[in-house]
Amino acid sequence: MVPPLPVGVSIYPEELVVRSFSFDGGGWGFRRQFFEDDTTALKVTWLNEDGSTFYVTLDNLEPDPRSITTGLPFARPGRIISVPIMGDEYRITRINVTHLGLHRVKLYRVNQEYADLYRSRNQDSRDLNEPLTNIANGLGVFTAFNSDSVFFRVVQE
């Protein structure tokens, strides 16, 4: 069964302003302090009156993304995928973004089979229990999602 679309998805504010900084010295303590002091955040909210399960993805949509000036060698755009949550909000902070420009936050409502599959994903050959399945006379999981998106921009101060 495919769950309904997420309802009431919004983001505030629609722009994340990040400070310029460089790590040309100062060591790891300075770097950690910079990220801990930066409390800038966006809040993605939605309605969740029935206790449904959701997860969030975050993607940079720029064709040629420009890196946030950090002086760090490992800044490259990457996709963020959250763990399944049963709440009604998700916060995006400076630590979640590495590049400037347009970003998409996609909120997925998932069915219980997906949530169960996620919780049981750490099975290995030392486990003697049966893998999760919802298929009669077989192994595997049929699951379904439905999604909606909101967008925001990252700009550098």
Protein backbone atom coordinates (compact mmCIF):
# COMPACT_ATOMS: atom_id res chain seq x y z
CA MET A 1 0.00 0.00 0.00
CA VAL A 2 1.43 3.39 -1.03
CA PRO A 3 1.24 5.96 1.76
CA PRO A 4 -0.35 9.34 0.99
CA LEU A 5 1.71 12.43 0.14
CA PRO A 6 3.23 14.31 3.05
CA VAL A 7 0.90 17.17 4.04
CA GLY A 8 1.78 20.76 4.93
CA VAL A 9 5.47 20.60 4.01
CA SER A 10 7.19 23.95 4.51
CA ILE A 11 10.63 25.39 5.18
CA TYR A 12 11.61 28.49 7.10
CA PRO A 13 13.57 30.51 6.31
CA GLU A 14 14.15 29.81 2.62
CA GLU A 15 17.75 30.99 2.72
CA LEU A 16 20.67 29.70 4.78
CA VAL A 17 23.37 32.33 5.24
CA VAL A 18 26.77 30.84 6.06
CA ARG A 19 29.76 32.77 7.36
CA SER A 20 33.01 32.87 5.44
CA PHE A 21 35.93 31.32 7.23
CA SER A 22 39.29 29.77 6.54
CA PHE A 23 41.24 27.16 8.45
CA ASP A 24 44.68 28.56 7.61
CA GLY A 25 45.85 27.75 11.09
CA GLY A 26 44.08 27.58 14.39
CA GLY A 27 44.03 23.80 14.52
CA TRP A 28 41.12 21.42 15.05
CA GLY A 29 39.96 23.20 18.22
CA PHE A 30 39.27 26.35 16.19
CA ARG A 31 37.41 24.34 13.54
CA ARG A 32 35.24 22.56 16.08
CA GLN A 33 34.50 25.82 17.89
CA PHE A 34 33.47 27.48 14.61
CA PHE A 35 30.88 24.79 13.84
CA GLU A 36 29.63 24.66 17.42
CA ASP A 37 29.18 28.46 17.52
CA ASP A 38 27.24 28.55 14.22
CA THR A 39 23.62 28.08 15.25
CA THR A 40 22.12 29.08 11.88
CA ALA A 41 19.41 26.59 10.93
CA LEU A 42 16.45 26.04 8.64
CA LYS A 43 13.41 24.19 9.89
CA VAL A 44 11.44 21.84 7.62
CA THR A 45 8.01 21.05 9.06
CA TRP A 46 5.02 18.94 8.05
CA LEU A 47 1.83 17.56 9.54
CA ASN A 48 2.08 14.16 11.18
CA GLU A 49 -1.18 13.65 13.04
CA ASP A 50 -1.20 9.87 12.63
CA GLY A 51 2.41 9.14 13.72
CA SER A 52 3.63 8.19 10.24
CA THR A 53 7.27 7.54 9.47
CA PHE A 54 9.28 9.88 7.21
CA TYR A 55 12.80 10.40 6.00
CA VAL A 56 14.48 13.41 4.43
CA THR A 57 16.99 13.81 1.61
CA LEU A 58 19.00 16.93 0.88
CA ASP A 59 20.55 17.63 -2.54
CA ASN A 60 22.38 20.55 -4.12
CA LEU A 61 20.71 21.27 -7.48
CA GLU A 62 23.36 23.55 -9.01
CA PRO A 63 24.82 22.31 -12.33
CA ASP A 64 28.28 23.56 -11.28
CA PRO A 65 28.15 23.93 -7.48
CA ARG A 66 30.46 26.48 -5.86
CA SER A 67 32.03 25.30 -2.62
CA ILE A 68 31.57 27.27 0.59
CA THR A 69 34.91 28.91 1.42
CA THR A 70 36.33 26.80 4.22
CA GLY A 71 39.88 25.88 3.35
CA LEU A 72 38.93 22.24 3.97
CA PRO A 73 40.09 19.79 1.25
CA PHE A 74 37.09 17.42 1.48
CA ALA A 75 34.23 19.79 0.60
CA ARG A 76 32.25 18.19 -2.20
CA PRO A 77 28.53 18.08 -2.73
CA GLY A 78 26.99 15.00 -1.27
CA ARG A 79 23.51 13.74 -0.71
CA ILE A 80 22.21 13.62 2.83
CA ILE A 81 19.69 10.91 3.67
CA SER A 82 18.23 10.98 7.17
CA VAL A 83 17.25 8.00 9.25
CA PRO A 84 13.49 7.29 9.39
CA ILE A 85 11.77 9.60 11.87
CA MET A 86 8.27 9.69 13.32
CA GLY A 87 8.30 13.43 14.09
CA ASP A 88 7.06 16.48 12.25
CA GLU A 89 10.24 18.52 11.75
CA TYR A 90 13.81 18.32 10.51
CA ARG A 91 16.53 20.93 11.03
CA ILE A 92 19.17 21.77 8.44
CA THR A 93 22.29 23.44 9.83
CA ARG A 94 25.53 24.78 8.41
CA ILE A 95 27.14 21.39 8.93
CA ASN A 96 24.64 19.80 6.48
CA VAL A 97 25.73 21.89 3.48
CA THR A 98 29.07 22.14 1.67
CA HIS A 99 28.10 24.18 -1.40
CA LEU A 100 26.28 27.38 -2.26
CA GLY A 101 23.15 27.70 -4.37
CA LEU A 102 19.80 26.01 -4.73
CA HIS A 103 19.06 22.91 -2.63
CA ARG A 104 16.09 20.55 -2.55
CA VAL A 105 14.75 18.97 0.60
CA LYS A 106 12.64 15.96 -0.26
CA LEU A 107 10.37 14.57 2.44
CA TYR A 108 9.32 10.95 1.99
CA ARG A 109 6.40 9.36 3.83
CA VAL A 110 7.17 5.65 4.06
CA ASN A 111 5.08 2.66 4.99
CA GLN A 112 5.75 0.43 7.99
CA GLU A 113 7.57 -2.18 5.88
CA TYR A 114 10.26 0.38 4.99
CA ALA A 115 10.67 1.44 8.62
CA ASP A 116 10.96 -2.22 9.69
CA LEU A 117 13.45 -2.95 6.89
CA TYR A 118 15.60 0.00 7.94
CA ARG A 119 15.64 -1.17 11.57
CA SER A 120 16.70 -4.69 10.54
CA ARG A 121 19.39 -3.70 8.00
CA ASN A 122 22.33 -4.65 10.23
CA GLN A 123 21.86 -8.39 9.84
CA ASP A 124 24.95 -10.45 9.04
CA SER A 125 25.94 -14.09 8.55
CA ARG A 126 26.37 -14.59 12.32
CA ASP A 127 22.64 -14.01 12.88
CA LEU A 128 20.53 -17.12 12.93
CA ASN A 129 17.22 -15.29 12.63
CA GLU A 130 15.15 -15.06 9.47
CA PRO A 131 15.57 -11.94 7.35
CA LEU A 132 12.66 -9.51 7.26
CA THR A 133 10.08 -10.37 4.60
CA ASN A 134 6.49 -9.52 3.76
CA ILE A 135 6.21 -11.87 0.79
CA ALA A 136 4.28 -15.10 1.21
CA ASN A 137 6.42 -18.17 0.35
CA GLY A 138 9.47 -16.04 -0.43
CA LEU A 139 12.00 -13.57 0.86
CA GLY A 140 12.06 -9.85 0.27
CA VAL A 141 10.17 -6.72 1.11
CA PHE A 142 7.66 -4.79 -0.94
CA THR A 143 7.61 -1.21 0.28
CA ALA A 144 6.39 2.15 -0.96
CA PHE A 145 7.01 5.86 -0.46
CA ASN A 146 5.39 9.14 -1.43
CA SER A 147 7.19 12.48 -1.37
CA ASP A 148 6.98 16.24 -1.57
CA SER A 149 9.76 18.83 -1.86
CA VAL A 150 10.71 22.27 -0.63
CA PHE A 151 13.65 24.37 -1.77
CA PHE A 152 16.14 26.75 -0.21
CA ARG A 153 19.26 28.69 -1.15
CA VAL A 154 22.63 28.70 0.58
CA VAL A 155 24.45 32.03 0.33
CA GLN A 156 27.77 33.08 1.81
CA GLU A 157 27.98 36.14 4.04
